[in-house]
Amino acid sequence: DWISFYQSLPADSPGGRVWQQWLSDHPSAPHGDFLAVIARQLYAEANASLRNYDPNHLILGPRYHEIDMPDHVVREVLPYVDAIAIQPTSREFNTAFFDEVYAKFGKPIYIADHVSSFPTPEYPITMGPAAENPAEYADYYQRYVVAALSRPYMIGYNKCQYQDQLAQDGVMLKQGILQMDESPYEEIIPGISAGNRRAAYRFD
C-alpha cells in the first residue's frame, strides 16, 4: 500500500515533502491519484538505468494485472516502455479487454505470466486451474495461445511456471511443464508444442 507508506513518512523527509506538496496542490483529489507521481519517478529512473546498461533490447516495463490496471498509472509508463506487460486473469483469452488496452494506450502487448494448470492425483489443488485433466489442458493451452497471438498487437506470450513448485504451505501446486523431479508432463508436451507452432506462424 504505497499511499499508506507515504502517509506514514515524517513530514520533513524527502517522500513526506512530496506527499505534503501533492496534498496541497490537489486538496480534493482521491489519494489514489498520487500513485501516478510515484509511477512517474519509478519508471523514469528504471528506464534510464536499463537504457544505460542495455540499450539494444525491448523494455517491457512492470507487469500489470488484467484486473488492476489504473489508467493514470499505466499512462505514466508509456514514454519509457516498448510494450505493456500484462498478467491475464480471465480463464479464456479476453479479446475485448486486450483490444481495449491496445486502443487506449497504443502500445504493443506482451502476456507476461499466464497461470494455468490441471489437478494431479498428488496435488488436486492447483493455482489457476484451467482444465480437469492433461488432455483437456492441451486443448485449452492451444486455444488460449493461438487466440492471444492472433491479435496483431500481441508480441509475445509467457506461460507461468516452468517447473512445479508448492505454495500455501505445500497445499497448492504451482504447476509447470516439468514436475518437481524435473521429469516433464509427457501428456501435455505435444499439445503445448503444437499450440506454439500454430501461434508462431504470424512471426515467420
Foldseek 3Di string as FASTA:
>chain_A
DVLVVLVPDPCPDPSNVVLVVVCVVCVPDPSVLCLLVVLLVVLVVVLVVCCVVPVDDFFQDDEAELVDDDPSNVQSNLVRGQEHEYAYDDLAADVVSVVVVCVVRVHFYEDDEYQEDEADPVARAEPHYNDDDQVRVLVSLLRRLQVQLVDPRYDYYDYHDQEWDADDVRRYIRHHQAYPVRHGPVSRVVSNVVSCVNSCPVVD
